Structure formats: structure tokens, C-alpha cells
Amino acid sequence: MSKPSPSLVKTRVYPEFAKTSFLVYGLIVSIAIFFVGAIVAYLGRFVFSSHPITPVVIPPILWINTLLLLIGSHLLFRGYRAVRREQLQKFRRYLSASLTIACIFCVLQSIGMYELLEQHWQQSSRTSGSVAAVLLMVFLHVAHFFAGLLGLAFVTYQAFQGRYDHEYHNGVRLAAIYWRFLDVIWLLLLWLFYSTGTSLLF
């Protein structure tokens, strides 16, 4: 009887690492609940209230970061597929590229937050609430992304130490799921800003 191809082998979650999976899933659920609450609060304060919302100009650099975020997520999933097929050189290259993009994302997102902060300073305290709210949600997203960056750095280090193969790669799977989750959160935030009258132009 022939041995199954590595491409058909499912990710094996060893019992001693099941706790890590539950922790990551719990973290994703808690972040999702938190952002749902933040979005509801934003809508209640600036959309469904009687006070007009102050237009917020989203810095163009955040559009560049959106593209980087999606590319990095795609490369990480390519790495996940590569390790499942025992294509370890490709796997390490994809992880290295994802880690590099993640670092660039954090730097550019910090620049974008600074530009939002300048908008906040230039407006009066009475009219800058919407800018502060947008800035806060962007900051919270990048803070959670930075936590994922640390996890990705650890996974990449483990990959170059030869810790993963076509059967043992649960850490890679969790990193890819977490990044994809943050993709969804960021796209929802951009949609929220756009649909509530926030300017996404220069």
C-alpha cells in the first residue's frame, strides 16, 4: 500500500500543544468581541447621535499598509501550504518574506497613526472626537498585530531550527489564522470609516 502524499496529510495537533491552539482561538474570540464593542460604541457616538461627525482624512500610507497586510497574509498561507507538502526551502522563504512585511507594516502604521494624531491636535477638543476614535481603533489594531508579529518571529525562528515538517506545523497554522483574522478586522475598520462619512482620500 503506497504511503500518502505529504500534500494530503492534515495538520497534526499533538496533545501537549493543544493548549496553545485553545489560547490562540480564545485570543481571537476575545479580540473579535472587543472590536465589535468598539465599532458599536463608534456608531453610537458618531453616527446615531445628533451631533455631526467631523470628517477624518485617513492617511494614504494606510492604504499602502492595507496592501502589505494582504500580501503578507497571502505569503504566510503559502508558507503553510508549502510546509504541509514538505517543501521546506519554500516554506522558510515565505515565512521570512511575511516577517519582513510585518515589520514594515508596523513601521508604516506608526507613521499613519502619527498623521492622525496631527489631525487631532489641529482640531479643537470639541470637534476632534471622531479623529481620536479612529486613531484609537487603528492603534488597537496595530497593537494586536504587534503581538502577532512576535509570534510570527518565534515561528520563523523555529522554522530555521528545523522544528516543522509536513506533520508538525501547528504553530504555522495558528500564525496564519491569526494574521488572516487581523486582515478581516482591518478591512472592517476601513469599511466603517468609509461608510460613516470619513474621508479616505488625500
C-alpha atoms as a PDB file:
ATOM      1  CA  MET A   1       0.000   0.000   0.000  1.00  0.00           C
ATOM      2  CA  SER A   2       1.520   3.335  -1.021  1.00  0.00           C
ATOM      3  CA  LYS A   3       2.317   5.988   1.531  1.00  0.00           C
ATOM      4  CA  PRO A   4       0.041   9.071   1.383  1.00  0.00           C
ATOM      5  CA  SER A   5       1.479  12.149  -0.263  1.00  0.00           C
ATOM      6  CA  PRO A   6       2.612  14.895   2.144  1.00  0.00           C
ATOM      7  CA  SER A   7       0.165  17.239   0.398  1.00  0.00           C
ATOM      8  CA  LEU A   8      -2.710  15.126   1.758  1.00  0.00           C
ATOM      9  CA  VAL A   9      -1.514  14.984   5.366  1.00  0.00           C
ATOM     10  CA  LYS A  10      -3.614  17.100   7.709  1.00  0.00           C
ATOM     11  CA  THR A  11      -2.106  19.322  10.362  1.00  0.00           C
ATOM     12  CA  ARG A  12      -1.481  17.229  13.444  1.00  0.00           C
ATOM     13  CA  VAL A  13      -2.165  18.932  16.764  1.00  0.00           C
ATOM     14  CA  TYR A  14      -0.246  16.989  19.386  1.00  0.00           C
ATOM     15  CA  PRO A  15      -1.952  16.834  22.802  1.00  0.00           C
ATOM     16  CA  GLU A  16       0.850  18.742  24.518  1.00  0.00           C
ATOM     17  CA  PHE A  17       0.316  21.666  22.116  1.00  0.00           C
ATOM     18  CA  ALA A  18      -3.488  21.660  22.153  1.00  0.00           C
ATOM     19  CA  LYS A  19      -3.436  24.293  24.921  1.00  0.00           C
ATOM     20  CA  THR A  20      -1.646  26.695  22.593  1.00  0.00           C
ATOM     21  CA  SER A  21      -4.365  26.235  19.981  1.00  0.00           C
ATOM     22  CA  PHE A  22      -7.092  26.928  22.538  1.00  0.00           C
ATOM     23  CA  LEU A  23      -5.227  30.015  23.766  1.00  0.00           C
ATOM     24  CA  VAL A  24      -4.931  31.434  20.248  1.00  0.00           C
ATOM     25  CA  TYR A  25      -8.578  30.698  19.471  1.00  0.00           C
ATOM     26  CA  GLY A  26      -9.574  32.290  22.774  1.00  0.00           C
ATOM     27  CA  LEU A  27      -7.473  35.336  21.946  1.00  0.00           C
ATOM     28  CA  ILE A  28      -9.148  35.657  18.536  1.00  0.00           C
ATOM     29  CA  VAL A  29     -12.627  35.419  20.075  1.00  0.00           C
ATOM     30  CA  SER A  30     -11.802  37.993  22.766  1.00  0.00           C
ATOM     31  CA  ILE A  31     -10.328  40.426  20.207  1.00  0.00           C
ATOM     32  CA  ALA A  32     -13.388  39.967  17.982  1.00  0.00           C
ATOM     33  CA  ILE A  33     -15.717  40.742  20.887  1.00  0.00           C
ATOM     34  CA  PHE A  34     -13.625  43.771  21.811  1.00  0.00           C
ATOM     35  CA  PHE A  35     -13.670  45.215  18.293  1.00  0.00           C
ATOM     36  CA  VAL A  36     -17.405  44.576  17.908  1.00  0.00           C
ATOM     37  CA  GLY A  37     -17.913  46.573  21.090  1.00  0.00           C
ATOM     38  CA  ALA A  38     -15.625  49.338  19.841  1.00  0.00           C
ATOM     39  CA  ILE A  39     -17.458  49.513  16.484  1.00  0.00           C
ATOM     40  CA  VAL A  40     -20.857  49.657  18.211  1.00  0.00           C
ATOM     41  CA  ALA A  41     -19.586  52.426  20.505  1.00  0.00           C
ATOM     42  CA  TYR A  42     -18.204  54.347  17.494  1.00  0.00           C
ATOM     43  CA  LEU A  43     -21.523  54.075  15.654  1.00  0.00           C
ATOM     44  CA  GLY A  44     -23.480  55.118  18.724  1.00  0.00           C
ATOM     45  CA  ARG A  45     -21.277  58.120  19.447  1.00  0.00           C
ATOM     46  CA  PHE A  46     -20.627  59.481  15.958  1.00  0.00           C
ATOM     47  CA  VAL A  47     -23.328  58.093  13.643  1.00  0.00           C
ATOM     48  CA  PHE A  48     -26.560  57.659  15.575  1.00  0.00           C
ATOM     49  CA  SER A  49     -26.073  60.735  17.751  1.00  0.00           C
ATOM     50  CA  SER A  50     -27.486  64.187  16.961  1.00  0.00           C
ATOM     51  CA  HIS A  51     -24.006  65.726  16.689  1.00  0.00           C
ATOM     52  CA  PRO A  52     -22.493  65.870  13.178  1.00  0.00           C
ATOM     53  CA  ILE A  53     -19.371  63.781  12.670  1.00  0.00           C
ATOM     54  CA  THR A  54     -16.140  65.614  11.941  1.00  0.00           C
ATOM     55  CA  PRO A  55     -14.590  64.324   8.670  1.00  0.00           C
ATOM     56  CA  VAL A  56     -11.389  62.371   9.222  1.00  0.00           C
ATOM     57  CA  VAL A  57      -8.815  62.135   6.448  1.00  0.00           C
ATOM     58  CA  ILE A  58      -7.303  58.655   6.525  1.00  0.00           C
ATOM     59  CA  PRO A  59      -3.579  58.998   5.646  1.00  0.00           C
ATOM     60  CA  PRO A  60      -2.751  57.471   2.234  1.00  0.00           C
ATOM     61  CA  ILE A  61       0.019  55.441   3.851  1.00  0.00           C
ATOM     62  CA  LEU A  62      -2.667  53.299   5.481  1.00  0.00           C
ATOM     63  CA  TRP A  63      -3.842  52.247   2.017  1.00  0.00           C
ATOM     64  CA  ILE A  64      -0.307  51.065   1.260  1.00  0.00           C
ATOM     65  CA  ASN A  65      -0.352  49.192   4.551  1.00  0.00           C
ATOM     66  CA  THR A  66      -3.623  47.507   3.642  1.00  0.00           C
ATOM     67  CA  LEU A  67      -1.954  46.079   0.552  1.00  0.00           C
ATOM     68  CA  LEU A  68       1.071  44.978   2.597  1.00  0.00           C
ATOM     69  CA  LEU A  69      -1.191  43.331   5.159  1.00  0.00           C
ATOM     70  CA  LEU A  70      -2.964  41.274   2.495  1.00  0.00           C
ATOM     71  CA  ILE A  71       0.274  40.331   0.722  1.00  0.00           C
ATOM     72  CA  GLY A  72       1.896  39.242   3.977  1.00  0.00           C
ATOM     73  CA  SER A  73      -1.142  37.154   4.888  1.00  0.00           C
ATOM     74  CA  HIS A  74      -1.121  35.520   1.454  1.00  0.00           C
ATOM     75  CA  LEU A  75       2.591  34.668   1.724  1.00  0.00           C
ATOM     76  CA  LEU A  76       2.122  33.210   5.182  1.00  0.00           C
ATOM     77  CA  PHE A  77      -0.623  30.910   3.921  1.00  0.00           C
ATOM     78  CA  ARG A  78       1.618  29.961   1.000  1.00  0.00           C
ATOM     79  CA  GLY A  79       4.239  29.037   3.582  1.00  0.00           C
ATOM     80  CA  TYR A  80       1.674  26.979   5.467  1.00  0.00           C
ATOM     81  CA  ARG A  81       0.798  25.061   2.305  1.00  0.00           C
ATOM     82  CA  ALA A  82       4.491  24.595   1.492  1.00  0.00           C
ATOM     83  CA  VAL A  83       5.323  23.026   4.851  1.00  0.00           C
ATOM     84  CA  ARG A  84       2.356  20.668   4.512  1.00  0.00           C
ATOM     85  CA  ARG A  85       3.930  19.483   1.266  1.00  0.00           C
ATOM     86  CA  GLU A  86       7.373  19.186   2.893  1.00  0.00           C
ATOM     87  CA  GLN A  87       8.707  21.989   0.659  1.00  0.00           C
ATOM     88  CA  LEU A  88      10.825  23.341   3.467  1.00  0.00           C
ATOM     89  CA  GLN A  89      13.001  25.779   1.499  1.00  0.00           C
ATOM     90  CA  LYS A  90       9.940  27.491   0.034  1.00  0.00           C
ATOM     91  CA  PHE A  91       8.351  27.403   3.470  1.00  0.00           C
ATOM     92  CA  ARG A  92      11.249  29.281   5.075  1.00  0.00           C
ATOM     93  CA  ARG A  93      11.361  31.830   2.248  1.00  0.00           C
ATOM     94  CA  TYR A  94       7.652  32.558   2.588  1.00  0.00           C
ATOM     95  CA  LEU A  95       7.959  32.942   6.349  1.00  0.00           C
ATOM     96  CA  SER A  96      10.938  35.272   6.008  1.00  0.00           C
ATOM     97  CA  ALA A  97       9.050  37.407   3.481  1.00  0.00           C
ATOM     98  CA  SER A  98       5.971  37.534   5.734  1.00  0.00           C
ATOM     99  CA  LEU A  99       8.052  38.538   8.732  1.00  0.00           C
ATOM    100  CA  THR A 100       9.762  41.314   6.747  1.00  0.00           C
ATOM    101  CA  ILE A 101       6.423  42.649   5.522  1.00  0.00           C
ATOM    102  CA  ALA A 102       5.017  42.501   9.056  1.00  0.00           C
ATOM    103  CA  CYS A 103       7.897  44.648  10.337  1.00  0.00           C
ATOM    104  CA  ILE A 104       7.383  47.176   7.531  1.00  0.00           C
ATOM    105  CA  PHE A 105       3.652  47.210   8.293  1.00  0.00           C
ATOM    106  CA  CYS A 106       4.254  48.137  11.928  1.00  0.00           C
ATOM    107  CA  VAL A 107       6.616  50.966  10.971  1.00  0.00           C
ATOM    108  CA  LEU A 108       4.290  52.434   8.319  1.00  0.00           C
ATOM    109  CA  GLN A 109       1.251  52.043  10.570  1.00  0.00           C
ATOM    110  CA  SER A 110       3.065  54.056  13.235  1.00  0.00           C
ATOM    111  CA  ILE A 111       3.641  56.832  10.683  1.00  0.00           C
ATOM    112  CA  GLY A 112      -0.044  56.736   9.752  1.00  0.00           C
ATOM    113  CA  MET A 113      -1.050  56.981  13.410  1.00  0.00           C
ATOM    114  CA  TYR A 114       1.226  59.998  13.838  1.00  0.00           C
ATOM    115  CA  GLU A 115      -0.509  61.706  10.911  1.00  0.00           C
ATOM    116  CA  LEU A 116      -3.880  61.000  12.536  1.00  0.00           C
ATOM    117  CA  LEU A 117      -2.546  62.403  15.787  1.00  0.00           C
ATOM    118  CA  GLU A 118      -1.561  65.613  13.984  1.00  0.00           C
ATOM    119  CA  GLN A 119      -5.147  65.916  12.735  1.00  0.00           C
ATOM    120  CA  HIS A 120      -6.335  65.509  16.300  1.00  0.00           C
ATOM    121  CA  TRP A 121      -4.023  68.280  17.512  1.00  0.00           C
ATOM    122  CA  GLN A 122      -5.097  70.651  14.727  1.00  0.00           C
ATOM    123  CA  GLN A 123      -8.776  70.396  15.622  1.00  0.00           C
ATOM    124  CA  SER A 124     -10.432  71.767  18.710  1.00  0.00           C
ATOM    125  CA  SER A 125     -11.162  69.391  21.555  1.00  0.00           C
ATOM    126  CA  ARG A 126     -14.876  69.804  20.843  1.00  0.00           C
ATOM    127  CA  THR A 127     -14.687  68.587  17.240  1.00  0.00           C
ATOM    128  CA  SER A 128     -11.762  66.145  17.267  1.00  0.00           C
ATOM    129  CA  GLY A 129     -13.560  63.250  18.951  1.00  0.00           C
ATOM    130  CA  SER A 130     -14.030  61.321  15.726  1.00  0.00           C
ATOM    131  CA  VAL A 131     -10.323  61.656  14.894  1.00  0.00           C
ATOM    132  CA  ALA A 132      -9.411  60.363  18.344  1.00  0.00           C
ATOM    133  CA  ALA A 133     -11.797  57.420  17.931  1.00  0.00           C
ATOM    134  CA  VAL A 134     -10.318  56.463  14.553  1.00  0.00           C
ATOM    135  CA  LEU A 135      -6.807  56.844  15.949  1.00  0.00           C
ATOM    136  CA  LEU A 136      -7.665  54.643  18.928  1.00  0.00           C
ATOM    137  CA  MET A 137      -9.052  51.822  16.783  1.00  0.00           C
ATOM    138  CA  VAL A 138      -6.061  51.960  14.421  1.00  0.00           C
ATOM    139  CA  PHE A 139      -3.736  51.860  17.439  1.00  0.00           C
ATOM    140  CA  LEU A 140      -5.548  48.879  18.954  1.00  0.00           C
ATOM    141  CA  HIS A 141      -5.321  47.003  15.667  1.00  0.00           C
ATOM    142  CA  VAL A 142      -1.583  47.607  15.305  1.00  0.00           C
ATOM    143  CA  ALA A 143      -1.074  46.661  18.973  1.00  0.00           C
ATOM    144  CA  HIS A 144      -2.722  43.289  18.378  1.00  0.00           C
ATOM    145  CA  PHE A 145      -0.790  42.933  15.134  1.00  0.00           C
ATOM    146  CA  PHE A 146       2.474  43.578  17.008  1.00  0.00           C
ATOM    147  CA  ALA A 147       1.591  40.713  19.358  1.00  0.00           C
ATOM    148  CA  GLY A 148       1.109  38.544  16.269  1.00  0.00           C
ATOM    149  CA  LEU A 149       4.437  39.800  14.907  1.00  0.00           C
ATOM    150  CA  LEU A 150       6.211  38.431  17.974  1.00  0.00           C
ATOM    151  CA  GLY A 151       4.505  35.094  17.440  1.00  0.00           C
ATOM    152  CA  LEU A 152       5.462  35.089  13.766  1.00  0.00           C
ATOM    153  CA  ALA A 153       9.087  35.890  14.650  1.00  0.00           C
ATOM    154  CA  PHE A 154       9.109  32.892  17.012  1.00  0.00           C
ATOM    155  CA  VAL A 155       7.566  30.631  14.353  1.00  0.00           C
ATOM    156  CA  THR A 156      10.132  31.805  11.784  1.00  0.00           C
ATOM    157  CA  TYR A 157      12.974  31.127  14.223  1.00  0.00           C
ATOM    158  CA  GLN A 158      11.592  27.651  14.872  1.00  0.00           C
ATOM    159  CA  ALA A 159      11.330  27.054  11.123  1.00  0.00           C
ATOM    160  CA  PHE A 160      15.030  27.786  10.609  1.00  0.00           C
ATOM    161  CA  GLN A 161      15.811  25.476  13.513  1.00  0.00           C
ATOM    162  CA  GLY A 162      14.128  22.632  11.635  1.00  0.00           C
ATOM    163  CA  ARG A 163      11.220  22.278  14.046  1.00  0.00           C
ATOM    164  CA  TYR A 164       8.474  21.967  11.413  1.00  0.00           C
ATOM    165  CA  ASP A 165       7.666  19.361   8.785  1.00  0.00           C
ATOM    166  CA  HIS A 166       4.623  18.102   6.877  1.00  0.00           C
ATOM    167  CA  GLU A 167       3.112  16.624  10.060  1.00  0.00           C
ATOM    168  CA  TYR A 168       4.260  19.000  12.781  1.00  0.00           C
ATOM    169  CA  HIS A 169       3.401  22.610  11.883  1.00  0.00           C
ATOM    170  CA  ASN A 170       0.571  23.671  14.179  1.00  0.00           C
ATOM    171  CA  GLY A 171       2.406  26.890  15.116  1.00  0.00           C
ATOM    172  CA  VAL A 172       2.496  27.930  11.471  1.00  0.00           C
ATOM    173  CA  ARG A 173      -1.212  27.225  11.093  1.00  0.00           C
ATOM    174  CA  LEU A 174      -2.078  29.318  14.146  1.00  0.00           C
ATOM    175  CA  ALA A 175       0.087  32.222  12.954  1.00  0.00           C
ATOM    176  CA  ALA A 176      -1.607  32.140   9.540  1.00  0.00           C
ATOM    177  CA  ILE A 177      -5.103  32.046  11.063  1.00  0.00           C
ATOM    178  CA  TYR A 178      -4.321  34.929  13.423  1.00  0.00           C
ATOM    179  CA  TRP A 179      -2.951  37.110  10.601  1.00  0.00           C
ATOM    180  CA  ARG A 180      -5.970  36.361   8.393  1.00  0.00           C
ATOM    181  CA  PHE A 181      -8.232  37.323  11.293  1.00  0.00           C
ATOM    182  CA  LEU A 182      -6.453  40.680  11.603  1.00  0.00           C
ATOM    183  CA  ASP A 183      -6.945  41.149   7.828  1.00  0.00           C
ATOM    184  CA  VAL A 184     -10.690  40.882   8.353  1.00  0.00           C
ATOM    185  CA  ILE A 185     -10.660  43.284  11.316  1.00  0.00           C
ATOM    186  CA  TRP A 186      -8.678  45.903   9.383  1.00  0.00           C
ATOM    187  CA  LEU A 187     -10.916  45.694   6.306  1.00  0.00           C
ATOM    188  CA  LEU A 188     -13.986  46.056   8.539  1.00  0.00           C
ATOM    189  CA  LEU A 189     -12.482  49.163  10.130  1.00  0.00           C
ATOM    190  CA  LEU A 190     -11.777  50.728   6.730  1.00  0.00           C
ATOM    191  CA  TRP A 191     -15.331  49.948   5.639  1.00  0.00           C
ATOM    192  CA  LEU A 192     -16.641  51.510   8.864  1.00  0.00           C
ATOM    193  CA  PHE A 193     -14.686  54.727   8.328  1.00  0.00           C
ATOM    194  CA  TYR A 194     -15.811  54.913   4.700  1.00  0.00           C
ATOM    195  CA  SER A 195     -19.489  54.166   5.346  1.00  0.00           C
ATOM    196  CA  THR A 196     -19.740  56.727   8.159  1.00  0.00           C
ATOM    197  CA  GLY A 197     -18.506  59.638   6.069  1.00  0.00           C
ATOM    198  CA  THR A 198     -14.826  59.518   6.952  1.00  0.00           C
ATOM    199  CA  SER A 199     -12.669  60.666   4.065  1.00  0.00           C
ATOM    200  CA  LEU A 200     -10.276  58.072   2.685  1.00  0.00           C
ATOM    201  CA  LEU A 201      -8.723  60.474   0.206  1.00  0.00           C
ATOM    202  CA  PHE A 202      -5.729  62.782   0.333  1.00  0.00           C
END
